[in-house]
Amino acid sequence: MNVISAVILAVLAVIGASTVIKAFSQWLFRVREDCSVLLITPVDSAENAEMVLRSAASRLKWGRSRSDCAVCLDCDIDDETRRICETVCREYGFLRLMTKEELREELRL
């Protein structure tokens, strides 16, 4: 029983250490010069929309991009694609679905 406990403890220690190292390296190498926005243009199908949005969210979440938020631009997309975009945007707080008019108003401010 002691061997199993030692193995579980070692695995959890390695996971914890790697999490601490990842968090420290993200803090150490962060870039905060400007506030920028990642603009995602419309996609051709619902399956691609989810993949593109989740990819952008992953890029923003793990710090590979200098952007602070992402905007998915709604250029007359179909209802199914819009529903998927809204669902993914709700899951991630930094993703927003905007129309062209909303983006123009936001950029004027």
PDB file of N, CA and C in Angstrom:
ATOM      1  N   MET A   1       0.822  -1.200   0.000  1.00  0.00           N
ATOM      2  CA  MET A   1       0.000   0.000   0.000  1.00  0.00           C
ATOM      3  C   MET A   1       0.864   1.261   0.000  1.00  0.00           C
ATOM      4  N   ASN A   2       2.016   1.177   0.655  1.00  0.00           N
ATOM      5  CA  ASN A   2       2.914   2.332   0.699  1.00  0.00           C
ATOM      6  C   ASN A   2       3.477   2.665  -0.675  1.00  0.00           C
ATOM      7  N   VAL A   3       3.695   1.641  -1.499  1.00  0.00           N
ATOM      8  CA  VAL A   3       4.227   1.871  -2.842  1.00  0.00           C
ATOM      9  C   VAL A   3       3.212   2.626  -3.689  1.00  0.00           C
ATOM     10  N   ILE A   4       1.956   2.241  -3.597  1.00  0.00           N
ATOM     11  CA  ILE A   4       0.898   2.924  -4.361  1.00  0.00           C
ATOM     12  C   ILE A   4       0.770   4.372  -3.910  1.00  0.00           C
ATOM     13  N   SER A   5       0.831   4.597  -2.617  1.00  0.00           N
ATOM     14  CA  SER A   5       0.750   5.969  -2.090  1.00  0.00           C
ATOM     15  C   SER A   5       1.931   6.797  -2.563  1.00  0.00           C
ATOM     16  N   ALA A   6       3.115   6.205  -2.590  1.00  0.00           N
ATOM     17  CA  ALA A   6       4.309   6.924  -3.033  1.00  0.00           C
ATOM     18  C   ALA A   6       4.218   7.266  -4.514  1.00  0.00           C
ATOM     19  N   VAL A   7       3.690   6.368  -5.340  1.00  0.00           N
ATOM     20  CA  VAL A   7       3.537   6.622  -6.770  1.00  0.00           C
ATOM     21  C   VAL A   7       2.527   7.739  -7.005  1.00  0.00           C
ATOM     22  N   ILE A   8       1.410   7.676  -6.315  1.00  0.00           N
ATOM     23  CA  ILE A   8       0.392   8.728  -6.457  1.00  0.00           C
ATOM     24  C   ILE A   8       0.951  10.071  -6.016  1.00  0.00           C
ATOM     25  N   LEU A   9       1.686  10.102  -4.912  1.00  0.00           N
ATOM     26  CA  LEU A   9       2.301  11.339  -4.428  1.00  0.00           C
ATOM     27  C   LEU A   9       3.304  11.884  -5.438  1.00  0.00           C
ATOM     28  N   ALA A  10       4.098  11.017  -6.036  1.00  0.00           N
ATOM     29  CA  ALA A  10       5.090  11.454  -7.025  1.00  0.00           C
ATOM     30  C   ALA A  10       4.415  12.031  -8.262  1.00  0.00           C
ATOM     31  N   VAL A  11       3.362  11.386  -8.732  1.00  0.00           N
ATOM     32  CA  VAL A  11       2.640  11.883  -9.905  1.00  0.00           C
ATOM     33  C   VAL A  11       2.023  13.246  -9.617  1.00  0.00           C
ATOM     34  N   LEU A  12       1.382  13.395  -8.478  1.00  0.00           N
ATOM     35  CA  LEU A  12       0.783  14.685  -8.117  1.00  0.00           C
ATOM     36  C   LEU A  12       1.834  15.768  -7.923  1.00  0.00           C
ATOM     37  N   ALA A  13       3.007  15.397  -7.399  1.00  0.00           N
ATOM     38  CA  ALA A  13       4.092  16.368  -7.222  1.00  0.00           C
ATOM     39  C   ALA A  13       4.603  16.858  -8.572  1.00  0.00           C
ATOM     40  N   VAL A  14       4.740  15.946  -9.525  1.00  0.00           N
ATOM     41  CA  VAL A  14       5.193  16.338 -10.865  1.00  0.00           C
ATOM     42  C   VAL A  14       4.166  17.241 -11.533  1.00  0.00           C
ATOM     43  N   ILE A  15       2.892  16.913 -11.424  1.00  0.00           N
ATOM     44  CA  ILE A  15       1.841  17.753 -12.009  1.00  0.00           C
ATOM     45  C   ILE A  15       1.844  19.136 -11.365  1.00  0.00           C
ATOM     46  N   GLY A  16       1.948  19.191 -10.057  1.00  0.00           N
ATOM     47  CA  GLY A  16       1.978  20.477  -9.357  1.00  0.00           C
ATOM     48  C   GLY A  16       3.186  21.307  -9.734  1.00  0.00           C
ATOM     49  N   ALA A  17       4.347  20.679  -9.822  1.00  0.00           N
ATOM     50  CA  ALA A  17       5.571  21.404 -10.174  1.00  0.00           C
ATOM     51  C   ALA A  17       5.484  21.949 -11.596  1.00  0.00           C
ATOM     52  N   SER A  18       4.948  21.155 -12.513  1.00  0.00           N
ATOM     53  CA  SER A  18       4.836  21.650 -13.896  1.00  0.00           C
ATOM     54  C   SER A  18       3.835  22.796 -13.997  1.00  0.00           C
ATOM     55  N   THR A  19       2.778  22.767 -13.210  1.00  0.00           N
ATOM     56  CA  THR A  19       1.805  23.865 -13.201  1.00  0.00           C
ATOM     57  C   THR A  19       2.432  25.144 -12.666  1.00  0.00           C
ATOM     58  N   VAL A  20       3.225  25.020 -11.606  1.00  0.00           N
ATOM     59  CA  VAL A  20       3.900  26.197 -11.037  1.00  0.00           C
ATOM     60  C   VAL A  20       4.905  26.766 -12.030  1.00  0.00           C
ATOM     61  N   ILE A  21       5.667  25.910 -12.682  1.00  0.00           N
ATOM     62  CA  ILE A  21       6.656  26.372 -13.664  1.00  0.00           C
ATOM     63  C   ILE A  21       5.969  27.052 -14.840  1.00  0.00           C
ATOM     64  N   LYS A  22       4.843  26.495 -15.313  1.00  0.00           N
ATOM     65  CA  LYS A  22       4.102  27.110 -16.421  1.00  0.00           C
ATOM     66  C   LYS A  22       3.577  28.485 -16.023  1.00  0.00           C
ATOM     67  N   ALA A  23       2.979  28.588 -14.842  1.00  0.00           N
ATOM     68  CA  ALA A  23       2.450  29.873 -14.386  1.00  0.00           C
ATOM     69  C   ALA A  23       3.563  30.905 -14.232  1.00  0.00           C
ATOM     70  N   PHE A  24       4.693  30.503 -13.690  1.00  0.00           N
ATOM     71  CA  PHE A  24       5.817  31.430 -13.517  1.00  0.00           C
ATOM     72  C   PHE A  24       6.367  31.882 -14.863  1.00  0.00           C
ATOM     73  N   SER A  25       6.508  30.956 -15.821  1.00  0.00           N
ATOM     74  CA  SER A  25       7.045  31.341 -17.131  1.00  0.00           C
ATOM     75  C   SER A  25       6.076  32.254 -17.886  1.00  0.00           C
ATOM     76  N   GLN A  26       4.769  32.031 -17.745  1.00  0.00           N
ATOM     77  CA  GLN A  26       3.802  32.937 -18.373  1.00  0.00           C
ATOM     78  C   GLN A  26       3.876  34.320 -17.752  1.00  0.00           C
ATOM     79  N   TRP A  27       4.056  34.393 -16.437  1.00  0.00           N
ATOM     80  CA  TRP A  27       4.179  35.685 -15.769  1.00  0.00           C
ATOM     81  C   TRP A  27       5.477  36.370 -16.181  1.00  0.00           C
ATOM     82  N   LEU A  28       6.549  35.604 -16.279  1.00  0.00           N
ATOM     83  CA  LEU A  28       7.858  36.159 -16.593  1.00  0.00           C
ATOM     84  C   LEU A  28       7.938  36.698 -18.010  1.00  0.00           C
ATOM     85  N   PHE A  29       7.322  36.011 -18.956  1.00  0.00           N
ATOM     86  CA  PHE A  29       7.437  36.388 -20.363  1.00  0.00           C
ATOM     87  C   PHE A  29       6.203  37.084 -20.918  1.00  0.00           C
ATOM     88  N   ARG A  30       5.381  37.624 -20.070  1.00  0.00           N
ATOM     89  CA  ARG A  30       4.189  38.308 -20.550  1.00  0.00           C
ATOM     90  C   ARG A  30       4.568  39.610 -21.244  1.00  0.00           C
ATOM     91  N   VAL A  31       3.744  40.001 -22.222  1.00  0.00           N
ATOM     92  CA  VAL A  31       3.957  41.235 -22.968  1.00  0.00           C
ATOM     93  C   VAL A  31       2.728  42.098 -22.747  1.00  0.00           C
ATOM     94  N   ARG A  32       2.928  43.267 -22.155  1.00  0.00           N
ATOM     95  CA  ARG A  32       1.807  44.156 -21.868  1.00  0.00           C
ATOM     96  C   ARG A  32       2.094  45.579 -22.351  1.00  0.00           C
ATOM     97  N   GLU A  33       2.535  45.702 -23.598  1.00  0.00           N
ATOM     98  CA  GLU A  33       2.825  47.021 -24.131  1.00  0.00           C
ATOM     99  C   GLU A  33       1.561  47.748 -24.562  1.00  0.00           C
ATOM    100  N   ASP A  34       0.726  47.077 -25.296  1.00  0.00           N
ATOM    101  CA  ASP A  34      -0.482  47.687 -25.843  1.00  0.00           C
ATOM    102  C   ASP A  34      -1.672  46.777 -25.595  1.00  0.00           C
ATOM    103  N   CYS A  35      -2.830  47.381 -25.650  1.00  0.00           N
ATOM    104  CA  CYS A  35      -4.062  46.605 -25.647  1.00  0.00           C
ATOM    105  C   CYS A  35      -4.411  46.365 -27.108  1.00  0.00           C
ATOM    106  N   SER A  36      -4.544  45.129 -27.474  1.00  0.00           N
ATOM    107  CA  SER A  36      -4.848  44.832 -28.867  1.00  0.00           C
ATOM    108  C   SER A  36      -6.008  43.852 -28.950  1.00  0.00           C
ATOM    109  N   VAL A  37      -6.554  43.748 -30.152  1.00  0.00           N
ATOM    110  CA  VAL A  37      -7.726  42.906 -30.382  1.00  0.00           C
ATOM    111  C   VAL A  37      -7.423  41.971 -31.541  1.00  0.00           C
ATOM    112  N   LEU A  38      -7.793  40.717 -31.376  1.00  0.00           N
ATOM    113  CA  LEU A  38      -7.679  39.735 -32.443  1.00  0.00           C
ATOM    114  C   LEU A  38      -9.015  39.704 -33.175  1.00  0.00           C
ATOM    115  N   LEU A  39      -9.005  40.011 -34.460  1.00  0.00           N
ATOM    116  CA  LEU A  39     -10.227  40.054 -35.255  1.00  0.00           C
ATOM    117  C   LEU A  39     -10.365  38.753 -36.033  1.00  0.00           C
ATOM    118  N   ILE A  40     -11.479  38.063 -35.803  1.00  0.00           N
ATOM    119  CA  ILE A  40     -11.745  36.802 -36.485  1.00  0.00           C
ATOM    120  C   ILE A  40     -12.799  37.065 -37.544  1.00  0.00           C
ATOM    121  N   THR A  41     -12.455  36.816 -38.774  1.00  0.00           N
ATOM    122  CA  THR A  41     -13.387  37.056 -39.873  1.00  0.00           C
ATOM    123  C   THR A  41     -14.349  35.889 -40.000  1.00  0.00           C
ATOM    124  N   PRO A  42     -15.422  36.072 -40.706  1.00  0.00           N
ATOM    125  CA  PRO A  42     -16.418  35.006 -40.852  1.00  0.00           C
ATOM    126  C   PRO A  42     -15.821  33.759 -41.507  1.00  0.00           C
ATOM    127  N   VAL A  43     -16.407  32.643 -41.176  1.00  0.00           N
ATOM    128  CA  VAL A  43     -15.970  31.371 -41.736  1.00  0.00           C
ATOM    129  C   VAL A  43     -17.086  30.791 -42.581  1.00  0.00           C
ATOM    130  N   ASP A  44     -16.761  29.762 -43.354  1.00  0.00           N
ATOM    131  CA  ASP A  44     -17.718  29.255 -44.322  1.00  0.00           C
ATOM    132  C   ASP A  44     -18.712  28.245 -43.772  1.00  0.00           C
ATOM    133  N   SER A  45     -18.387  27.577 -42.664  1.00  0.00           N
ATOM    134  CA  SER A  45     -19.322  26.576 -42.146  1.00  0.00           C
ATOM    135  C   SER A  45     -19.305  26.561 -40.623  1.00  0.00           C
ATOM    136  N   ALA A  46     -20.309  25.941 -40.051  1.00  0.00           N
ATOM    137  CA  ALA A  46     -20.448  25.896 -38.598  1.00  0.00           C
ATOM    138  C   ALA A  46     -19.322  25.098 -37.953  1.00  0.00           C
ATOM    139  N   GLU A  47     -18.908  24.004 -38.576  1.00  0.00           N
ATOM    140  CA  GLU A  47     -17.837  23.195 -38.007  1.00  0.00           C
ATOM    141  C   GLU A  47     -16.538  23.987 -37.950  1.00  0.00           C
ATOM    142  N   ASN A  48     -16.245  24.719 -39.011  1.00  0.00           N
ATOM    143  CA  ASN A  48     -15.034  25.536 -39.027  1.00  0.00           C
ATOM    144  C   ASN A  48     -15.123  26.691 -38.046  1.00  0.00           C
ATOM    145  N   ALA A  49     -16.301  27.235 -37.832  1.00  0.00           N
ATOM    146  CA  ALA A  49     -16.460  28.355 -36.914  1.00  0.00           C
ATOM    147  C   ALA A  49     -16.053  27.943 -35.503  1.00  0.00           C
ATOM    148  N   GLU A  50     -16.530  26.800 -35.065  1.00  0.00           N
ATOM    149  CA  GLU A  50     -16.182  26.355 -33.716  1.00  0.00           C
ATOM    150  C   GLU A  50     -14.684  26.107 -33.591  1.00  0.00           C
ATOM    151  N   MET A  51     -14.087  25.480 -34.601  1.00  0.00           N
ATOM    152  CA  MET A  51     -12.661  25.201 -34.562  1.00  0.00           C
ATOM    153  C   MET A  51     -11.842  26.494 -34.534  1.00  0.00           C
ATOM    154  N   VAL A  52     -12.212  27.464 -35.357  1.00  0.00           N
ATOM    155  CA  VAL A  52     -11.478  28.723 -35.424  1.00  0.00           C
ATOM    156  C   VAL A  52     -11.606  29.497 -34.118  1.00  0.00           C
ATOM    157  N   LEU A  53     -12.813  29.562 -33.554  1.00  0.00           N
ATOM    158  CA  LEU A  53     -13.009  30.299 -32.318  1.00  0.00           C
ATOM    159  C   LEU A  53     -12.293  29.646 -31.137  1.00  0.00           C
ATOM    160  N   ARG A  54     -12.361  28.338 -31.040  1.00  0.00           N
ATOM    161  CA  ARG A  54     -11.660  27.653 -29.950  1.00  0.00           C
ATOM    162  C   ARG A  54     -10.150  27.767 -30.100  1.00  0.00           C
ATOM    163  N   SER A  55      -9.667  27.780 -31.331  1.00  0.00           N
ATOM    164  CA  SER A  55      -8.235  27.977 -31.568  1.00  0.00           C
ATOM    165  C   SER A  55      -7.801  29.376 -31.133  1.00  0.00           C
ATOM    166  N   ALA A  56      -8.591  30.382 -31.474  1.00  0.00           N
ATOM    167  CA  ALA A  56      -8.281  31.754 -31.062  1.00  0.00           C
ATOM    168  C   ALA A  56      -8.335  31.883 -29.541  1.00  0.00           C
ATOM    169  N   ALA A  57      -9.316  31.238 -28.916  1.00  0.00           N
ATOM    170  CA  ALA A  57      -9.425  31.281 -27.458  1.00  0.00           C
ATOM    171  C   ALA A  57      -8.210  30.629 -26.810  1.00  0.00           C
ATOM    172  N   SER A  58      -7.758  29.533 -27.360  1.00  0.00           N
ATOM    173  CA  SER A  58      -6.578  28.862 -26.830  1.00  0.00           C
ATOM    174  C   SER A  58      -5.341  29.736 -26.969  1.00  0.00           C
ATOM    175  N   ARG A  59      -5.204  30.382 -28.122  1.00  0.00           N
ATOM    176  CA  ARG A  59      -4.073  31.273 -28.345  1.00  0.00           C
ATOM    177  C   ARG A  59      -4.063  32.424 -27.340  1.00  0.00           C
ATOM    178  N   LEU A  60      -5.236  32.999 -27.100  1.00  0.00           N
ATOM    179  CA  LEU A  60      -5.323  34.102 -26.153  1.00  0.00           C
ATOM    180  C   LEU A  60      -5.111  33.625 -24.722  1.00  0.00           C
ATOM    181  N   LYS A  61      -5.669  32.489 -24.404  1.00  0.00           N
ATOM    182  CA  LYS A  61      -5.603  31.975 -23.037  1.00  0.00           C
ATOM    183  C   LYS A  61      -4.177  31.627 -22.621  1.00  0.00           C
ATOM    184  N   TRP A  62      -3.413  31.047 -23.513  1.00  0.00           N
ATOM    185  CA  TRP A  62      -2.074  30.591 -23.157  1.00  0.00           C
ATOM    186  C   TRP A  62      -1.002  31.594 -23.520  1.00  0.00           C
ATOM    187  N   GLY A  63      -1.377  32.787 -23.927  1.00  0.00           N
ATOM    188  CA  GLY A  63      -0.414  33.863 -24.080  1.00  0.00           C
ATOM    189  C   GLY A  63       0.429  33.834 -25.330  1.00  0.00           C
ATOM    190  N   ARG A  64       0.013  33.124 -26.368  1.00  0.00           N
ATOM    191  CA  ARG A  64       0.788  33.112 -27.606  1.00  0.00           C
ATOM    192  C   ARG A  64       0.490  34.333 -28.459  1.00  0.00           C
ATOM    193  N   SER A  65      -0.515  35.076 -28.101  1.00  0.00           N
ATOM    194  CA  SER A  65      -0.883  36.264 -28.860  1.00  0.00           C
ATOM    195  C   SER A  65      -0.833  37.460 -27.928  1.00  0.00           C
ATOM    196  N   ARG A  66      -0.555  38.637 -28.458  1.00  0.00           N
ATOM    197  CA  ARG A  66      -0.514  39.831 -27.635  1.00  0.00           C
ATOM    198  C   ARG A  66      -1.896  40.440 -27.450  1.00  0.00           C
ATOM    199  N   SER A  67      -2.894  39.842 -28.005  1.00  0.00           N
ATOM    200  CA  SER A  67      -4.243  40.391 -27.937  1.00  0.00           C
ATOM    201  C   SER A  67      -4.846  40.193 -26.558  1.00  0.00           C
ATOM    202  N   ASP A  68      -5.703  41.135 -26.171  1.00  0.00           N
ATOM    203  CA  ASP A  68      -6.394  41.039 -24.901  1.00  0.00           C
ATOM    204  C   ASP A  68      -7.793  40.460 -25.052  1.00  0.00           C
ATOM    205  N   CYS A  69      -8.360  40.576 -26.230  1.00  0.00           N
ATOM    206  CA  CYS A  69      -9.672  39.990 -26.487  1.00  0.00           C
ATOM    207  C   CYS A  69      -9.776  39.667 -27.979  1.00  0.00           C
ATOM    208  N   ALA A  70     -10.788  38.904 -28.321  1.00  0.00           N
ATOM    209  CA  ALA A  70     -11.000  38.528 -29.719  1.00  0.00           C
ATOM    210  C   ALA A  70     -12.414  38.910 -30.120  1.00  0.00           C
ATOM    211  N   VAL A  71     -12.563  39.394 -31.333  1.00  0.00           N
ATOM    212  CA  VAL A  71     -13.870  39.769 -31.868  1.00  0.00           C
ATOM    213  C   VAL A  71     -14.155  38.894 -33.073  1.00  0.00           C
ATOM    214  N   CYS A  72     -15.261  38.189 -33.029  1.00  0.00           N
ATOM    215  CA  CYS A  72     -15.729  37.415 -34.173  1.00  0.00           C
ATOM    216  C   CYS A  72     -16.690  38.322 -34.938  1.00  0.00           C
ATOM    217  N   LEU A  73     -16.352  38.631 -36.164  1.00  0.00           N
ATOM    218  CA  LEU A  73     -17.135  39.574 -36.952  1.00  0.00           C
ATOM    219  C   LEU A  73     -18.269  38.858 -37.671  1.00  0.00           C
ATOM    220  N   ASP A  74     -19.481  39.302 -37.420  1.00  0.00           N
ATOM    221  CA  ASP A  74     -20.676  38.719 -38.026  1.00  0.00           C
ATOM    222  C   ASP A  74     -20.973  39.449 -39.330  1.00  0.00           C
ATOM    223  N   CYS A  75     -20.627  38.823 -40.440  1.00  0.00           N
ATOM    224  CA  CYS A  75     -20.912  39.383 -41.764  1.00  0.00           C
ATOM    225  C   CYS A  75     -21.968  38.512 -42.433  1.00  0.00           C
ATOM    226  N   ASP A  76     -23.181  38.612 -41.952  1.00  0.00           N
ATOM    227  CA  ASP A  76     -24.319  37.867 -42.496  1.00  0.00           C
ATOM    228  C   ASP A  76     -24.071  36.354 -42.523  1.00  0.00           C
ATOM    229  N   ILE A  77     -23.677  35.816 -41.371  1.00  0.00           N
ATOM    230  CA  ILE A  77     -23.496  34.371 -41.280  1.00  0.00           C
ATOM    231  C   ILE A  77     -24.849  33.700 -41.082  1.00  0.00           C
ATOM    232  N   ASP A  78     -24.927  32.418 -41.386  1.00  0.00           N
ATOM    233  CA  ASP A  78     -26.195  31.713 -41.255  1.00  0.00           C
ATOM    234  C   ASP A  78     -26.527  31.463 -39.781  1.00  0.00           C
ATOM    235  N   ASP A  79     -27.758  31.029 -39.521  1.00  0.00           N
ATOM    236  CA  ASP A  79     -28.252  30.887 -38.151  1.00  0.00           C
ATOM    237  C   ASP A  79     -27.487  29.843 -37.348  1.00  0.00           C
ATOM    238  N   GLU A  80     -27.152  28.720 -37.960  1.00  0.00           N
ATOM    239  CA  GLU A  80     -26.441  27.665 -37.231  1.00  0.00           C
ATOM    240  C   GLU A  80     -25.042  28.125 -36.833  1.00  0.00           C
ATOM    241  N   THR A  81     -24.347  28.788 -37.751  1.00  0.00           N
ATOM    242  CA  THR A  81     -23.011  29.300 -37.446  1.00  0.00           C
ATOM    243  C   THR A  81     -23.085  30.373 -36.371  1.00  0.00           C
ATOM    244  N   ARG A  82     -24.099  31.230 -36.443  1.00  0.00           N
ATOM    245  CA  ARG A  82     -24.264  32.280 -35.427  1.00  0.00           C
ATOM    246  C   ARG A  82     -24.518  31.668 -34.055  1.00  0.00           C
ATOM    247  N   ARG A  83     -25.329  30.615 -34.005  1.00  0.00           N
ATOM    248  CA  ARG A  83     -25.627  29.957 -32.733  1.00  0.00           C
ATOM    249  C   ARG A  83     -24.363  29.350 -32.127  1.00  0.00           C
ATOM    250  N   ILE A  84     -23.549  28.736 -32.968  1.00  0.00           N
ATOM    251  CA  ILE A  84     -22.299  28.146 -32.483  1.00  0.00           C
ATOM    252  C   ILE A  84     -21.339  29.232 -32.013  1.00  0.00           C
ATOM    253  N   CYS A  85     -21.249  30.323 -32.761  1.00  0.00           N
ATOM    254  CA  CYS A  85     -20.384  31.439 -32.356  1.00  0.00           C
ATOM    255  C   CYS A  85     -20.833  32.025 -31.022  1.00  0.00           C
ATOM    256  N   GLU A  86     -22.132  32.197 -30.841  1.00  0.00           N
ATOM    257  CA  GLU A  86     -22.643  32.731 -29.582  1.00  0.00           C
ATOM    258  C   GLU A  86     -22.342  31.795 -28.416  1.00  0.00           C
ATOM    259  N   THR A  87     -22.468  30.490 -28.652  1.00  0.00           N
ATOM    260  CA  THR A  87     -22.192  29.515 -27.601  1.00  0.00           C
ATOM    261  C   THR A  87     -20.727  29.547 -27.189  1.00  0.00           C
ATOM    262  N   VAL A  88     -19.828  29.565 -28.164  1.00  0.00           N
ATOM    263  CA  VAL A  88     -18.402  29.588 -27.846  1.00  0.00           C
ATOM    264  C   VAL A  88     -18.020  30.910 -27.183  1.00  0.00           C
ATOM    265  N   CYS A  89     -18.596  32.007 -27.636  1.00  0.00           N
ATOM    266  CA  CYS A  89     -18.295  33.310 -27.034  1.00  0.00           C
ATOM    267  C   CYS A  89     -18.780  33.389 -25.589  1.00  0.00           C
ATOM    268  N   ARG A  90     -19.884  32.718 -25.284  1.00  0.00           N
ATOM    269  CA  ARG A  90     -20.362  32.681 -23.900  1.00  0.00           C
ATOM    270  C   ARG A  90     -19.425  31.886 -23.000  1.00  0.00           C
ATOM    271  N   GLU A  91     -18.809  30.847 -23.547  1.00  0.00           N
ATOM    272  CA  GLU A  91     -17.901  30.014 -22.763  1.00  0.00           C
ATOM    273  C   GLU A  91     -16.637  30.768 -22.362  1.00  0.00           C
ATOM    274  N   TYR A  92     -16.152  31.614 -23.247  1.00  0.00           N
ATOM    275  CA  TYR A  92     -14.927  32.372 -22.996  1.00  0.00           C
ATOM    276  C   TYR A  92     -15.292  33.842 -22.831  1.00  0.00           C
ATOM    277  N   GLY A  93     -14.891  34.436 -21.739  1.00  0.00           N
ATOM    278  CA  GLY A  93     -15.247  35.817 -21.450  1.00  0.00           C
ATOM    279  C   GLY A  93     -14.588  36.841 -22.349  1.00  0.00           C
ATOM    280  N   PHE A  94     -13.489  36.485 -22.990  1.00  0.00           N
ATOM    281  CA  PHE A  94     -12.755  37.446 -23.805  1.00  0.00           C
ATOM    282  C   PHE A  94     -13.097  37.368 -25.290  1.00  0.00           C
ATOM    283  N   LEU A  95     -14.027  36.503 -25.677  1.00  0.00           N
ATOM    284  CA  LEU A  95     -14.503  36.430 -27.064  1.00  0.00           C
ATOM    285  C   LEU A  95     -15.819  37.179 -27.189  1.00  0.00           C
ATOM    286  N   ARG A  96     -15.955  37.953 -28.245  1.00  0.00           N
ATOM    287  CA  ARG A  96     -17.197  38.709 -28.476  1.00  0.00           C
ATOM    288  C   ARG A  96     -17.641  38.535 -29.917  1.00  0.00           C
ATOM    289  N   LEU A  97     -18.933  38.403 -30.100  1.00  0.00           N
ATOM    290  CA  LEU A  97     -19.525  38.347 -31.436  1.00  0.00           C
ATOM    291  C   LEU A  97     -20.128  39.714 -31.722  1.00  0.00           C
ATOM    292  N   MET A  98     -19.664  40.350 -32.800  1.00  0.00           N
ATOM    293  CA  MET A  98     -20.115  41.696 -33.128  1.00  0.00           C
ATOM    294  C   MET A  98     -20.496  41.785 -34.600  1.00  0.00           C
ATOM    295  N   THR A  99     -21.441  42.677 -34.882  1.00  0.00           N
ATOM    296  CA  THR A  99     -21.760  42.984 -36.273  1.00  0.00           C
ATOM    297  C   THR A  99     -20.791  44.061 -36.763  1.00  0.00           C
ATOM    298  N   LYS A 100     -20.826  44.331 -38.066  1.00  0.00           N
ATOM    299  CA  LYS A 100     -19.950  45.365 -38.609  1.00  0.00           C
ATOM    300  C   LYS A 100     -20.255  46.735 -38.004  1.00  0.00           C
ATOM    301  N   GLU A 101     -21.539  47.008 -37.796  1.00  0.00           N
ATOM    302  CA  GLU A 101     -21.930  48.299 -37.236  1.00  0.00           C
ATOM    303  C   GLU A 101     -21.456  48.453 -35.791  1.00  0.00           C
ATOM    304  N   GLU A 102     -21.579  47.386 -35.001  1.00  0.00           N
ATOM    305  CA  GLU A 102     -21.103  47.437 -33.612  1.00  0.00           C
ATOM    306  C   GLU A 102     -19.592  47.640 -33.556  1.00  0.00           C
ATOM    307  N   LEU A 103     -18.872  47.005 -34.476  1.00  0.00           N
ATOM    308  CA  LEU A 103     -17.422  47.174 -34.515  1.00  0.00           C
ATOM    309  C   LEU A 103     -17.044  48.598 -34.894  1.00  0.00           C
ATOM    310  N   ARG A 104     -17.761  49.177 -35.863  1.00  0.00           N
ATOM    311  CA  ARG A 104     -17.491  50.574 -36.239  1.00  0.00           C
ATOM    312  C   ARG A 104     -17.707  51.512 -35.046  1.00  0.00           C
ATOM    313  N   GLU A 105     -18.803  51.312 -34.319  1.00  0.00           N
ATOM    314  CA  GLU A 105     -19.089  52.155 -33.152  1.00  0.00           C
ATOM    315  C   GLU A 105     -18.035  51.972 -32.069  1.00  0.00           C
ATOM    316  N   GLU A 106     -17.600  50.755 -31.860  1.00  0.00           N
ATOM    317  CA  GLU A 106     -16.574  50.467 -30.852  1.00  0.00           C
ATOM    318  C   GLU A 106     -15.250  51.121 -31.217  1.00  0.00           C
ATOM    319  N   LEU A 107     -14.903  51.129 -32.506  1.00  0.00           N
ATOM    320  CA  LEU A 107     -13.638  51.720 -32.937  1.00  0.00           C
ATOM    321  C   LEU A 107     -13.671  53.239 -32.906  1.00  0.00           C
ATOM    322  N   ARG A 108     -14.838  53.828 -32.972  1.00  0.00           N
ATOM    323  CA  ARG A 108     -14.939  55.296 -32.902  1.00  0.00           C
ATOM    324  C   ARG A 108     -14.674  55.815 -31.512  1.00  0.00           C
ATOM    325  N   LEU A 109     -14.883  55.004 -30.505  1.00  0.00           N
ATOM    326  CA  LEU A 109     -14.707  55.453 -29.107  1.00  0.00           C
ATOM    327  C   LEU A 109     -13.278  55.620 -28.728  1.00  0.00           C
TER     328      LEU A 109
END
